[in-house]
Protein backbone atom coordinates (compact mmCIF):
# COMPACT_ATOMS: atom_id res chain seq x y z
CA MET A 1 -0.09 0.11 0.10
CA SER A 2 1.51 3.31 -1.15
CA LYS A 3 1.59 6.13 1.44
CA LEU A 4 -0.55 9.08 1.04
CA SER A 5 0.97 12.75 0.98
CA PHE A 6 -0.55 15.92 1.11
CA SER A 7 0.59 19.58 1.06
CA LEU A 8 -0.95 22.36 3.14
CA VAL A 9 -1.94 25.30 1.12
CA GLU A 10 -2.81 28.65 2.92
CA ILE A 11 -4.88 31.32 1.10
CA SER A 12 -3.91 34.63 2.57
CA THR A 13 -6.94 36.44 0.93
CA ASP A 14 -10.60 36.13 2.08
CA ILE A 15 -12.95 33.89 -0.24
CA SER A 16 -16.31 33.23 -0.33
CA VAL A 17 -17.76 29.43 -1.05
CA PHE A 18 -21.16 29.00 -1.99
CA GLY A 19 -23.15 25.64 -1.61
CA LEU A 20 -25.46 23.34 0.39
CA SER A 21 -25.82 22.26 3.77
CA HIS A 22 -27.56 19.11 5.13
CA GLU A 23 -28.24 17.60 8.61
CA SER A 24 -26.46 14.15 8.57
CA ASN A 25 -25.23 11.37 11.08
CA ASP A 26 -22.71 8.37 11.02
CA LYS A 27 -25.66 5.85 9.95
CA THR A 28 -27.05 8.30 6.95
CA GLN A 29 -23.90 9.92 5.71
CA ALA A 30 -23.54 7.19 2.65
CA LYS A 31 -26.87 8.29 1.17
CA ASP A 32 -27.02 11.83 2.21
CA ILE A 33 -23.71 12.72 0.56
CA PRO A 34 -24.98 11.74 -3.10
CA ALA A 35 -28.58 13.39 -2.28
CA VAL A 36 -27.05 16.82 -1.15
CA SER A 37 -24.70 16.57 -4.27
CA GLN A 38 -27.55 16.14 -6.59
CA ARG A 39 -29.31 18.74 -5.07
CA TYR A 40 -26.38 20.96 -5.60
CA TYR A 41 -25.81 20.16 -9.33
CA ALA A 42 -29.69 20.84 -9.87
CA ALA A 43 -29.32 24.08 -8.13
CA VAL A 44 -26.55 25.25 -10.42
CA GLY A 45 -27.98 23.64 -13.38
CA LYS A 46 -24.90 21.66 -14.19
CA GLU A 47 -24.56 17.49 -14.65
CA SER A 48 -22.46 15.57 -12.18
CA GLY A 49 -19.01 16.06 -12.92
CA GLU A 50 -19.29 19.40 -14.94
CA VAL A 51 -18.33 21.38 -11.77
CA ILE A 52 -14.86 20.70 -10.62
CA PRO A 53 -13.45 20.79 -8.04
CA PHE A 54 -16.45 19.42 -6.03
CA PHE A 55 -16.03 18.90 -2.36
CA VAL A 56 -18.16 17.65 0.59
CA ILE A 57 -16.79 18.71 4.19
CA SER A 58 -18.68 18.18 7.60
CA LYS A 59 -18.53 20.33 10.70
CA GLY A 60 -20.15 20.31 14.14
CA TYR A 61 -19.67 16.62 14.85
CA ASN A 62 -21.50 15.42 17.87
CA LYS A 63 -19.68 12.31 19.68
CA ILE A 64 -22.84 11.31 21.65
CA SER A 65 -25.65 11.52 18.99
CA LYS A 66 -23.15 11.03 15.76
CA ASP A 67 -24.76 13.90 14.04
CA PHE A 68 -23.14 16.69 12.07
CA ARG A 69 -23.59 19.03 9.14
CA LEU A 70 -22.57 18.27 5.58
CA PHE A 71 -21.66 21.08 3.26
CA SER A 72 -21.42 20.68 -0.47
CA ALA A 73 -19.81 22.97 -2.88
CA ALA A 74 -17.78 23.60 -5.96
């Protein structure tokens, strides 16, 4: 198995990112990510893969309930 490597990129200017958010949890995230992705593509009038780079991040993870918020953007 190959090692993963990454580079830290720091942007020194403010940027705005627009996208969609969705409540999710450990049990539903596998279906929530594709669903929020499709909602995003429909909102911007594009087909899947036409908007690059596309990313999904999460925030606000609750260790007890396993809930968090997904954010999908391009």
